[in-house]
Amino acid sequence: MLTIKNLEKRFGSLRALDDVSLEVEDDSIVGLIGPNGSGKTTLFNVVSGFYEKDGGEVYFKGERIDGLPPNKIAKKGLCRTFQVSKAPEKMTVLENMLLAAKRQLGENPFSALFMRPRVQKSEKANLDMALELLDMLQLSQLKNDYAGDLSGGQKKLLSLGRVFMLKPDMILLDEPTAGVNPTLRVQLMEAIRQLQKMERKAFFIIEHSMKVISNICDKVYVLNFGKKIAEGTPEEIQQNEQVLEAYLSGA
């Protein structure tokens, strides 16, 4: 699904990514961990088109995507969330979900005027999908609340729901449980599991919590000082001496 080959990114003399190669298979949940400043979010920013690479190649579904802008990468089915979840605060939760829906026929003036039955059918399908996702995310009771009134954890759940309204093939999640209380953290992990199981999508997740990684990931990659230092199952990573040393020295 996603193949990264010898990726490099520099900020002046700093090598934020140094010859990083990894793969994320279809229908899998893969974790990316490492101490603060190890290059995790930089990797996501390069893959999703927000940063330009300085070397290497990125392939999505066999097609090279490095050099494409973020909107074109998203349209190909590779979408992401951010560490800080943002949404139009004066729109309701349901309106936020509908805003993110893919290919809205009603946005075309011609379709709105001359294809009303088709537009109505499309809008009904988007509404049904939004309500189903909100129910899965346990946000149904908040559908008429303003997004700005949600807690941090609820905003992250909404962010996940909005990404799924785009019907992506793969989702990059940047620290989805950071700053989330334990109850919502469990809710968020369960939502990821359900969505992956039902929709058969691939997830690539940046996380600091090994508990989260161990609970939901099939495979884990570890970065330190911009280099990949380990890969394996969560169990293998937890016993890797190089990984433990990196975390202790970066603490």
Protein backbone atom coordinates (compact mmCIF):
# COMPACT_ATOMS: atom_id res chain seq x y z
CA MET A 1 0.00 0.00 0.00
CA LEU A 2 2.72 2.49 1.05
CA THR A 3 6.40 2.10 0.19
CA ILE A 4 9.07 4.56 1.35
CA LYS A 5 12.56 4.19 -0.11
CA ASN A 6 15.68 5.93 1.23
CA LEU A 7 13.73 9.03 2.29
CA GLU A 8 15.74 12.09 3.30
CA LYS A 9 14.76 15.46 4.69
CA ARG A 10 17.13 18.15 5.90
CA PHE A 11 16.58 21.42 7.74
CA GLY A 12 19.87 23.22 7.22
CA SER A 13 22.55 20.95 8.66
CA LEU A 14 19.99 18.84 10.56
CA ARG A 15 19.08 15.50 8.99
CA ALA A 16 15.49 15.06 10.13
CA LEU A 17 15.14 11.93 7.99
CA ASP A 18 18.25 9.97 7.08
CA ASP A 19 17.83 7.21 4.48
CA VAL A 20 14.52 5.89 5.89
CA SER A 21 12.87 2.93 4.16
CA LEU A 22 9.69 1.17 5.27
CA GLU A 23 6.47 -0.41 4.02
CA VAL A 24 2.85 -0.48 5.15
CA GLU A 25 0.81 -3.36 3.76
CA ASP A 26 -2.84 -3.27 2.76
CA ASP A 27 -5.37 -4.02 5.51
CA SER A 28 -2.90 -3.53 8.37
CA ILE A 29 -2.26 -1.26 11.34
CA VAL A 30 1.38 -0.18 11.56
CA GLY A 31 2.92 1.93 14.32
CA LEU A 32 5.72 4.50 14.16
CA ILE A 33 7.44 5.30 17.45
CA GLY A 34 10.57 7.04 18.68
CA PRO A 35 11.77 9.68 21.15
CA ASN A 36 10.77 13.32 20.72
CA GLY A 37 12.54 14.84 17.74
CA SER A 38 13.21 11.50 16.08
CA GLY A 39 11.56 12.50 12.79
CA LYS A 40 8.14 10.84 13.06
CA THR A 41 5.94 13.82 12.18
CA THR A 42 8.47 15.00 9.60
CA LEU A 43 8.07 11.65 7.85
CA PHE A 44 4.28 12.06 7.82
CA ASN A 45 4.64 15.62 6.50
CA VAL A 46 6.85 14.45 3.63
CA VAL A 47 4.66 11.46 2.76
CA SER A 48 1.47 13.56 2.77
CA GLY A 49 3.01 16.35 0.68
CA PHE A 50 3.30 19.09 3.30
CA TYR A 51 7.12 19.02 3.17
CA GLU A 52 9.33 18.55 0.13
CA LYS A 53 11.78 15.66 0.36
CA ASP A 54 15.52 16.05 -0.17
CA GLY A 55 15.99 12.50 -1.41
CA GLY A 56 14.32 9.13 -1.78
CA GLU A 57 10.99 7.96 -3.18
CA VAL A 58 7.44 7.48 -1.90
CA TYR A 59 4.97 5.10 -3.57
CA PHE A 60 1.27 4.71 -2.81
CA LYS A 61 -0.57 1.76 -4.36
CA GLY A 62 2.38 1.35 -6.70
CA GLU A 63 2.30 4.94 -7.93
CA ARG A 64 5.01 7.44 -7.08
CA ILE A 65 3.54 10.37 -5.12
CA ASP A 66 6.54 12.31 -3.78
CA GLY A 67 6.40 15.80 -5.24
CA LEU A 68 2.59 15.91 -5.37
CA PRO A 69 0.72 18.55 -3.31
CA PRO A 70 -1.32 17.40 -0.27
CA ASN A 71 -4.72 17.78 -1.98
CA LYS A 72 -3.74 15.48 -4.86
CA ILE A 73 -2.28 12.90 -2.49
CA ALA A 74 -5.52 12.97 -0.46
CA LYS A 75 -7.59 12.49 -3.62
CA LYS A 76 -5.57 9.36 -4.39
CA GLY A 77 -6.80 7.90 -1.10
CA LEU A 78 -3.96 8.71 1.33
CA CYS A 79 -5.35 10.96 4.08
CA ARG A 80 -4.10 12.06 7.47
CA THR A 81 -4.92 13.65 10.80
CA PHE A 82 -2.73 16.04 12.79
CA GLN A 83 -1.47 16.23 16.37
CA VAL A 84 -3.76 19.19 17.02
CA SER A 85 -7.27 18.46 15.78
CA LYS A 86 -8.91 21.43 14.08
CA ALA A 87 -12.44 21.77 12.78
CA PRO A 88 -14.77 24.71 12.00
CA GLU A 89 -15.82 25.48 15.55
CA LYS A 90 -19.08 27.24 14.70
CA MET A 91 -20.35 24.27 12.72
CA THR A 92 -22.02 21.32 14.41
CA VAL A 93 -20.43 17.89 14.65
CA LEU A 94 -22.75 16.57 11.93
CA GLU A 95 -22.09 19.57 9.69
CA ASN A 96 -18.35 18.96 10.06
CA MET A 97 -18.81 15.38 8.96
CA LEU A 98 -20.88 16.35 5.94
CA LEU A 99 -18.39 19.08 5.00
CA ALA A 100 -15.71 16.40 4.56
CA ALA A 101 -17.79 14.12 2.32
CA LYS A 102 -16.22 13.13 -0.97
CA ARG A 103 -17.54 14.26 -4.38
CA GLN A 104 -20.56 16.32 -3.34
CA LEU A 105 -22.73 16.75 -6.43
CA GLY A 106 -24.64 19.65 -4.91
CA GLU A 107 -21.52 21.83 -5.09
CA ASN A 108 -21.87 21.92 -8.87
CA PRO A 109 -24.43 24.62 -9.88
CA PHE A 110 -25.47 22.63 -12.96
CA SER A 111 -26.11 19.50 -10.91
CA ALA A 112 -27.95 21.46 -8.24
CA LEU A 113 -30.30 22.94 -10.86
CA PHE A 114 -30.84 20.08 -13.31
CA MET A 115 -29.99 16.88 -11.43
CA ARG A 116 -31.90 17.37 -8.20
CA PRO A 117 -32.94 13.71 -7.70
CA ARG A 118 -29.35 12.56 -8.11
CA VAL A 119 -28.10 15.31 -5.79
CA GLN A 120 -30.69 14.39 -3.16
CA LYS A 121 -29.74 10.72 -3.39
CA SER A 122 -26.06 11.63 -2.95
CA GLU A 123 -26.79 13.88 0.03
CA LYS A 124 -28.90 11.15 1.65
CA ALA A 125 -26.03 8.66 1.23
CA ASN A 126 -23.58 11.15 2.79
CA LEU A 127 -25.94 11.78 5.71
CA ASP A 128 -26.41 8.06 6.32
CA MET A 129 -22.64 7.51 6.25
CA ALA A 130 -22.00 10.43 8.62
CA LEU A 131 -24.58 9.19 11.12
CA GLU A 132 -23.23 5.64 10.96
CA LEU A 133 -19.68 6.84 11.61
CA LEU A 134 -20.78 9.10 14.48
CA ASP A 135 -22.57 6.15 16.04
CA MET A 136 -19.44 4.01 15.74
CA LEU A 137 -17.34 6.81 17.24
CA GLN A 138 -19.92 7.25 20.04
CA LEU A 139 -20.49 10.87 19.05
CA SER A 140 -24.13 10.53 17.96
CA GLN A 141 -25.41 12.27 21.07
CA LEU A 142 -23.23 15.29 20.20
CA LYS A 143 -24.15 15.56 16.52
CA ASN A 144 -25.94 18.90 17.00
CA ASP A 145 -23.29 20.38 19.31
CA TYR A 146 -20.77 22.88 18.00
CA ALA A 147 -17.35 21.36 17.26
CA GLY A 148 -15.77 24.12 19.34
CA ASP A 149 -17.54 22.80 22.44
CA LEU A 150 -16.01 19.32 22.20
CA SER A 151 -13.24 18.08 24.48
CA GLY A 152 -9.79 17.40 23.03
CA GLY A 153 -10.46 13.68 22.85
CA GLN A 154 -13.84 14.18 21.20
CA LYS A 155 -12.24 16.45 18.60
CA LYS A 156 -9.79 13.66 17.76
CA LEU A 157 -12.67 11.25 17.31
CA LEU A 158 -14.37 13.79 15.06
CA SER A 159 -11.15 14.21 13.10
CA LEU A 160 -11.03 10.45 12.51
CA GLY A 161 -14.65 10.48 11.38
CA ARG A 162 -14.08 13.36 8.96
CA VAL A 163 -11.14 11.54 7.37
CA PHE A 164 -13.33 8.47 6.83
CA MET A 165 -15.94 10.61 5.06
CA LEU A 166 -13.31 10.93 2.30
CA LYS A 167 -13.38 7.13 1.87
CA PRO A 168 -9.58 6.80 1.97
CA ASP A 169 -7.57 3.65 1.32
CA MET A 170 -5.00 4.54 3.98
CA ILE A 171 -4.95 6.89 6.97
CA LEU A 172 -1.97 8.47 8.70
CA LEU A 173 -2.79 9.22 12.35
CA ASP A 174 -0.41 11.59 14.13
CA GLU A 175 -0.57 10.88 17.88
CA PRO A 176 -4.31 10.16 17.98
CA THR A 177 -4.35 9.50 21.75
CA ALA A 178 -2.05 12.33 22.91
CA GLY A 179 -3.76 14.42 25.60
CA VAL A 180 -6.80 12.15 25.60
CA ASN A 181 -8.22 10.91 28.89
CA PRO A 182 -8.09 7.12 29.51
CA THR A 183 -11.80 6.56 28.81
CA LEU A 184 -11.72 8.33 25.45
CA ARG A 185 -8.39 6.68 24.64
CA VAL A 186 -10.03 3.26 24.89
CA GLN A 187 -12.95 4.56 22.81
CA LEU A 188 -10.57 5.88 20.15
CA MET A 189 -8.59 2.63 19.95
CA GLU A 190 -11.80 0.64 19.65
CA ALA A 191 -12.98 2.95 16.86
CA ILE A 192 -9.73 2.40 14.95
CA ARG A 193 -10.06 -1.37 15.34
CA GLN A 194 -13.69 -1.34 14.18
CA LEU A 195 -13.02 0.89 11.19
CA GLN A 196 -10.05 -1.19 10.10
CA LYS A 197 -12.02 -4.40 10.47
CA MET A 198 -15.16 -3.16 8.73
CA GLU A 199 -13.60 -1.05 5.99
CA ARG A 200 -10.38 -3.08 5.48
CA LYS A 201 -8.27 0.07 5.43
CA ALA A 202 -4.60 0.51 6.25
CA PHE A 203 -3.54 2.67 9.22
CA PHE A 204 -0.10 4.16 9.86
CA ILE A 205 0.00 5.55 13.40
CA ILE A 206 2.49 7.76 15.25
CA GLU A 207 2.25 7.01 18.96
CA HIS A 208 4.18 7.53 22.18
CA SER A 209 2.16 5.03 24.19
CA MET A 210 3.53 1.49 23.89
CA LYS A 211 0.27 0.28 25.42
CA VAL A 212 -1.65 1.71 22.47
CA ILE A 213 0.87 0.33 19.99
CA SER A 214 0.79 -3.13 21.58
CA ASN A 215 -3.01 -3.24 21.58
CA ILE A 216 -3.71 -2.35 17.97
CA CYS A 217 -0.59 -2.59 15.77
CA ASP A 218 0.49 -5.53 13.63
CA LYS A 219 3.97 -4.12 13.05
CA VAL A 220 6.06 -1.27 14.47
CA TYR A 221 8.88 0.87 13.07
CA VAL A 222 11.20 2.86 15.34
CA LEU A 223 13.00 6.11 14.45
CA ASN A 224 15.82 7.81 16.35
CA PHE A 225 17.69 10.91 15.19
CA GLY A 226 16.03 10.55 11.78
CA LYS A 227 17.17 6.95 11.24
CA LYS A 228 15.17 3.74 11.33
CA ILE A 229 16.71 1.70 14.12
CA ALA A 230 14.25 -1.19 14.40
CA GLU A 231 11.16 -2.88 12.99
CA GLY A 232 9.11 -5.84 14.11
CA THR A 233 6.06 -6.91 16.08
CA PRO A 234 5.15 -4.92 19.21
CA GLU A 235 6.52 -7.76 21.33
CA GLU A 236 9.85 -7.76 19.49
CA ILE A 237 10.16 -3.97 19.71
CA GLN A 238 9.56 -3.96 23.47
CA GLN A 239 12.49 -6.33 23.93
CA ASN A 240 14.85 -4.55 21.52
CA GLU A 241 17.84 -3.20 23.45
CA GLN A 242 18.58 -0.48 20.86
CA VAL A 243 15.02 0.80 21.16
CA LEU A 244 15.11 0.77 24.96
CA GLU A 245 18.42 2.64 24.94
CA ALA A 246 17.03 5.26 22.52
CA TYR A 247 14.03 5.90 24.75
CA LEU A 248 16.10 6.08 27.92
CA SER A 249 18.65 8.45 26.40
CA GLY A 250 15.89 10.59 24.90
CA ALA A 251 13.83 10.78 28.08
